[in-house]
């Protein structure tokens, strides 16, 4: 779930729930760069997303959480410590080597 720069919320939803959720008021398929984003819906308030009442907002949060709970955990990648980066001749972007 995220706030949209155009106003409203971007909500990740289960693919099998998309059609039913599109029946809700102020809901549309998310389109970015002319492409429909599968599994994402755009929810607007009237006139602003702040106008969504508590139960309505809670329902959208529950939809998003239900999807996230089905995702596998992210792989944790350990970063080399600073001395290992120096020894390898690499440093974070924007920082001088040395």
N, C-alpha and C. Protein backbone atom coordinates (compact mmCIF):
# COMPACT_ATOMS: atom_id res chain seq x y z
N UNK A 1 0.85 -1.16 0.00
CA UNK A 1 0.00 0.00 0.00
C UNK A 1 0.90 1.22 0.00
N UNK A 2 0.51 2.22 -0.79
CA UNK A 2 1.30 3.44 -0.89
C UNK A 2 0.38 4.60 -1.23
N UNK A 3 0.86 5.81 -0.98
CA UNK A 3 0.13 7.01 -1.39
C UNK A 3 0.49 7.32 -2.83
N UNK A 4 -0.50 7.72 -3.61
CA UNK A 4 -0.28 8.05 -5.01
C UNK A 4 0.04 9.53 -5.16
N UNK A 5 0.94 9.86 -6.06
CA UNK A 5 1.25 11.25 -6.35
C UNK A 5 0.08 11.98 -6.98
N UNK A 6 -0.86 11.22 -7.56
CA UNK A 6 -2.07 11.81 -8.16
C UNK A 6 -3.19 11.90 -7.14
N UNK A 7 -2.91 11.55 -5.91
CA UNK A 7 -3.94 11.49 -4.88
C UNK A 7 -4.47 10.07 -4.81
N UNK A 8 -4.90 9.67 -3.66
CA UNK A 8 -5.43 8.33 -3.48
C UNK A 8 -4.40 7.35 -2.97
N UNK A 9 -4.81 6.11 -2.94
CA UNK A 9 -3.95 5.02 -2.44
C UNK A 9 -3.68 4.02 -3.55
N UNK A 10 -2.51 3.45 -3.53
CA UNK A 10 -2.18 2.31 -4.37
C UNK A 10 -2.24 1.11 -3.44
N UNK A 11 -3.08 0.15 -3.79
CA UNK A 11 -3.27 -1.00 -2.90
C UNK A 11 -2.96 -2.29 -3.66
N UNK A 12 -2.06 -3.08 -3.12
CA UNK A 12 -1.77 -4.39 -3.72
C UNK A 12 -2.84 -5.35 -3.26
N UNK A 13 -3.45 -6.04 -4.23
CA UNK A 13 -4.56 -6.95 -3.92
C UNK A 13 -4.33 -8.31 -4.56
N UNK A 14 -5.00 -9.31 -4.04
CA UNK A 14 -4.93 -10.65 -4.61
C UNK A 14 -5.58 -10.64 -5.99
N UNK A 15 -4.98 -11.32 -6.94
CA UNK A 15 -5.49 -11.34 -8.31
C UNK A 15 -6.94 -11.83 -8.36
N UNK A 16 -7.26 -12.83 -7.56
CA UNK A 16 -8.63 -13.37 -7.59
C UNK A 16 -9.64 -12.46 -6.90
N UNK A 17 -9.18 -11.40 -6.25
CA UNK A 17 -10.08 -10.45 -5.58
C UNK A 17 -10.25 -9.16 -6.38
N UNK A 18 -9.43 -8.94 -7.39
CA UNK A 18 -9.45 -7.67 -8.13
C UNK A 18 -10.83 -7.32 -8.67
N UNK A 19 -11.48 -8.24 -9.36
CA UNK A 19 -12.77 -7.95 -9.98
C UNK A 19 -13.80 -7.53 -8.93
N UNK A 20 -13.86 -8.25 -7.83
CA UNK A 20 -14.83 -7.92 -6.78
C UNK A 20 -14.51 -6.57 -6.15
N UNK A 21 -13.23 -6.30 -5.93
CA UNK A 21 -12.84 -5.04 -5.31
C UNK A 21 -13.09 -3.84 -6.23
N UNK A 22 -13.04 -4.06 -7.53
CA UNK A 22 -13.32 -2.98 -8.47
C UNK A 22 -14.78 -2.54 -8.42
N UNK A 23 -15.63 -3.34 -7.80
CA UNK A 23 -17.04 -2.98 -7.63
C UNK A 23 -17.21 -1.91 -6.55
N UNK A 24 -16.21 -1.75 -5.70
CA UNK A 24 -16.29 -0.74 -4.64
C UNK A 24 -16.22 0.66 -5.24
N UNK A 25 -16.86 1.63 -4.58
CA UNK A 25 -16.81 3.00 -5.10
C UNK A 25 -15.39 3.57 -5.07
N UNK A 26 -15.12 4.46 -6.01
CA UNK A 26 -13.84 5.21 -6.09
C UNK A 26 -12.64 4.29 -6.27
N UNK A 27 -12.82 3.18 -6.99
CA UNK A 27 -11.75 2.21 -7.21
C UNK A 27 -11.53 2.01 -8.70
N UNK A 28 -10.27 1.97 -9.12
CA UNK A 28 -9.93 1.74 -10.53
C UNK A 28 -8.68 0.89 -10.60
N UNK A 29 -8.46 0.31 -11.76
CA UNK A 29 -7.21 -0.42 -11.98
C UNK A 29 -6.06 0.59 -12.01
N UNK A 30 -4.94 0.22 -11.46
CA UNK A 30 -3.76 1.09 -11.46
C UNK A 30 -3.11 1.03 -12.83
N UNK A 31 -2.85 2.20 -13.41
CA UNK A 31 -2.19 2.29 -14.71
C UNK A 31 -0.95 3.16 -14.53
N UNK A 32 0.19 2.66 -14.98
CA UNK A 32 1.45 3.41 -14.92
C UNK A 32 2.10 3.34 -16.28
N UNK A 33 2.46 4.48 -16.81
CA UNK A 33 3.12 4.50 -18.11
C UNK A 33 2.27 3.86 -19.20
N UNK A 34 0.95 3.98 -19.07
CA UNK A 34 0.06 3.42 -20.06
C UNK A 34 -0.20 1.93 -19.90
N UNK A 35 0.43 1.30 -18.91
CA UNK A 35 0.26 -0.14 -18.69
C UNK A 35 -0.54 -0.39 -17.42
N UNK A 36 -1.46 -1.32 -17.51
CA UNK A 36 -2.23 -1.71 -16.34
C UNK A 36 -1.34 -2.55 -15.43
N UNK A 37 -1.33 -2.23 -14.17
CA UNK A 37 -0.50 -2.93 -13.19
C UNK A 37 -1.32 -4.03 -12.53
N UNK A 38 -1.08 -5.27 -12.92
CA UNK A 38 -1.82 -6.40 -12.37
C UNK A 38 -1.59 -6.49 -10.87
N UNK A 39 -2.66 -6.72 -10.13
CA UNK A 39 -2.55 -6.88 -8.69
C UNK A 39 -2.51 -5.57 -7.92
N UNK A 40 -2.70 -4.44 -8.60
CA UNK A 40 -2.69 -3.13 -7.94
C UNK A 40 -3.96 -2.36 -8.29
N UNK A 41 -4.58 -1.74 -7.30
CA UNK A 41 -5.75 -0.90 -7.53
C UNK A 41 -5.46 0.51 -7.02
N UNK A 42 -6.13 1.47 -7.64
CA UNK A 42 -6.03 2.87 -7.24
C UNK A 42 -7.34 3.24 -6.57
N UNK A 43 -7.27 3.72 -5.34
CA UNK A 43 -8.45 4.06 -4.56
C UNK A 43 -8.40 5.56 -4.26
N UNK A 44 -9.47 6.27 -4.61
CA UNK A 44 -9.52 7.70 -4.36
C UNK A 44 -10.57 8.02 -3.32
N UNK A 45 -10.41 9.15 -2.66
CA UNK A 45 -11.42 9.66 -1.75
C UNK A 45 -12.13 10.81 -2.44
N UNK A 46 -13.11 11.38 -1.80
CA UNK A 46 -13.82 12.51 -2.39
C UNK A 46 -13.76 13.69 -1.45
N UNK A 47 -13.05 14.73 -1.73
CA UNK A 47 -12.18 14.92 -2.89
C UNK A 47 -10.78 14.37 -2.67
N UNK A 48 -10.48 13.88 -1.48
CA UNK A 48 -9.12 13.46 -1.14
C UNK A 48 -9.16 12.14 -0.39
N UNK A 49 -8.07 11.40 -0.45
CA UNK A 49 -8.01 10.11 0.24
C UNK A 49 -8.20 10.27 1.75
N UNK A 50 -7.92 11.46 2.28
CA UNK A 50 -8.15 11.69 3.71
C UNK A 50 -9.62 11.57 4.06
N UNK A 51 -10.49 11.61 3.03
CA UNK A 51 -11.93 11.50 3.26
C UNK A 51 -12.41 10.06 3.41
N UNK A 52 -11.52 9.09 3.20
CA UNK A 52 -11.92 7.70 3.45
C UNK A 52 -12.18 7.54 4.94
N UNK A 53 -13.31 6.96 5.29
CA UNK A 53 -13.58 6.80 6.72
C UNK A 53 -12.77 5.64 7.28
N UNK A 54 -12.70 5.55 8.60
CA UNK A 54 -11.88 4.54 9.26
C UNK A 54 -12.15 3.12 8.80
N UNK A 55 -13.43 2.67 8.80
CA UNK A 55 -13.70 1.29 8.38
C UNK A 55 -13.33 1.04 6.91
N UNK A 56 -13.56 2.02 6.05
CA UNK A 56 -13.22 1.84 4.63
C UNK A 56 -11.71 1.72 4.45
N UNK A 57 -10.96 2.59 5.11
CA UNK A 57 -9.51 2.55 5.03
C UNK A 57 -8.98 1.24 5.64
N UNK A 58 -9.55 0.85 6.76
CA UNK A 58 -9.14 -0.41 7.41
C UNK A 58 -9.38 -1.60 6.49
N UNK A 59 -10.45 -1.57 5.72
CA UNK A 59 -10.72 -2.65 4.77
C UNK A 59 -9.66 -2.75 3.69
N UNK A 60 -9.21 -1.60 3.18
CA UNK A 60 -8.16 -1.61 2.16
C UNK A 60 -6.84 -2.07 2.76
N UNK A 61 -6.55 -1.65 3.97
CA UNK A 61 -5.32 -2.12 4.63
C UNK A 61 -5.38 -3.63 4.81
N UNK A 62 -6.53 -4.16 5.20
CA UNK A 62 -6.67 -5.61 5.39
C UNK A 62 -6.45 -6.36 4.07
N UNK A 63 -6.95 -5.81 2.96
CA UNK A 63 -6.74 -6.45 1.65
C UNK A 63 -5.24 -6.51 1.34
N UNK A 64 -4.54 -5.40 1.57
CA UNK A 64 -3.10 -5.35 1.28
C UNK A 64 -2.32 -6.30 2.18
N UNK A 65 -2.66 -6.33 3.45
CA UNK A 65 -1.96 -7.21 4.40
C UNK A 65 -2.18 -8.67 4.02
N UNK A 66 -3.39 -9.01 3.58
CA UNK A 66 -3.68 -10.40 3.19
C UNK A 66 -2.77 -10.85 2.06
N UNK A 67 -2.47 -9.95 1.12
CA UNK A 67 -1.57 -10.30 0.01
C UNK A 67 -0.13 -10.43 0.51
N UNK A 68 0.30 -9.47 1.29
CA UNK A 68 1.68 -9.48 1.78
C UNK A 68 1.97 -10.72 2.61
N UNK A 69 0.99 -11.17 3.36
CA UNK A 69 1.19 -12.37 4.18
C UNK A 69 1.41 -13.63 3.35
N UNK A 70 1.04 -13.61 2.08
CA UNK A 70 1.23 -14.78 1.21
C UNK A 70 2.59 -14.77 0.52
N UNK A 71 3.31 -13.66 0.60
CA UNK A 71 4.59 -13.54 -0.10
C UNK A 71 5.70 -14.23 0.68
N UNK A 72 6.68 -14.78 -0.02
CA UNK A 72 7.81 -15.39 0.69
C UNK A 72 8.65 -14.29 1.34
N UNK A 73 9.36 -14.62 2.40
CA UNK A 73 10.20 -13.61 3.04
C UNK A 73 11.31 -13.15 2.09
N UNK A 74 11.69 -11.89 2.25
CA UNK A 74 12.79 -11.38 1.43
C UNK A 74 14.09 -12.00 1.90
N UNK A 75 14.95 -12.23 0.93
CA UNK A 75 16.28 -12.77 1.25
C UNK A 75 17.11 -11.65 1.86
N UNK A 76 17.74 -11.93 2.96
CA UNK A 76 18.58 -10.94 3.61
C UNK A 76 19.99 -11.08 3.06
N UNK A 77 20.48 -10.00 2.48
CA UNK A 77 21.85 -10.01 1.96
C UNK A 77 22.71 -9.20 2.91
N UNK A 78 23.79 -9.78 3.33
CA UNK A 78 24.66 -9.04 4.22
C UNK A 78 25.61 -8.18 3.39
N UNK A 79 25.83 -6.98 3.86
CA UNK A 79 26.77 -6.08 3.20
C UNK A 79 28.16 -6.35 3.75
N UNK A 80 29.17 -6.28 2.90
CA UNK A 80 30.52 -6.42 3.45
C UNK A 80 30.82 -5.22 4.35
N UNK A 81 31.58 -5.46 5.38
CA UNK A 81 31.94 -4.36 6.27
C UNK A 81 32.87 -3.41 5.53
N UNK A 82 33.00 -2.20 6.03
CA UNK A 82 33.75 -1.14 5.35
C UNK A 82 35.17 -1.58 4.98
N UNK A 83 35.87 -2.24 5.88
CA UNK A 83 37.25 -2.65 5.60
C UNK A 83 37.30 -3.66 4.46
N UNK A 84 36.28 -4.53 4.35
CA UNK A 84 36.25 -5.49 3.24
C UNK A 84 35.99 -4.78 1.92
N UNK A 85 35.16 -3.73 1.92
CA UNK A 85 34.90 -2.97 0.69
C UNK A 85 36.17 -2.26 0.24
N UNK A 86 36.89 -1.69 1.18
CA UNK A 86 38.14 -1.00 0.82
C UNK A 86 39.14 -1.98 0.24
N UNK A 87 39.26 -3.14 0.87
CA UNK A 87 40.21 -4.15 0.40
C UNK A 87 39.84 -4.62 -1.01
N UNK A 88 38.54 -4.66 -1.30
CA UNK A 88 38.09 -5.10 -2.62
C UNK A 88 38.14 -3.97 -3.64
N UNK A 89 38.44 -2.74 -3.18
CA UNK A 89 38.51 -1.59 -4.09
C UNK A 89 37.16 -1.02 -4.46
N UNK A 90 36.15 -1.30 -3.64
CA UNK A 90 34.81 -0.75 -3.89
C UNK A 90 34.41 0.13 -2.73
N UNK A 91 33.54 1.05 -3.00
CA UNK A 91 32.98 1.90 -1.95
C UNK A 91 31.57 2.27 -2.37
N UNK A 92 30.74 2.73 -1.43
CA UNK A 92 29.36 3.09 -1.79
C UNK A 92 29.33 4.20 -2.84
N UNK A 93 28.27 4.25 -3.67
CA UNK A 93 28.19 5.28 -4.70
C UNK A 93 28.30 6.68 -4.09
N UNK A 94 28.99 7.55 -4.81
CA UNK A 94 29.11 8.93 -4.37
C UNK A 94 30.23 9.19 -3.38
N UNK A 95 30.91 8.16 -2.99
CA UNK A 95 32.01 8.35 -2.04
C UNK A 95 33.33 8.07 -2.74
N UNK A 96 34.32 8.89 -2.47
CA UNK A 96 35.63 8.65 -3.11
C UNK A 96 36.28 7.39 -2.56
N UNK A 97 37.04 6.76 -3.40
CA UNK A 97 37.80 5.58 -2.93
C UNK A 97 39.06 6.05 -2.23
N UNK A 98 39.50 5.22 -1.34
CA UNK A 98 40.77 5.57 -0.71
C UNK A 98 40.77 5.37 0.68
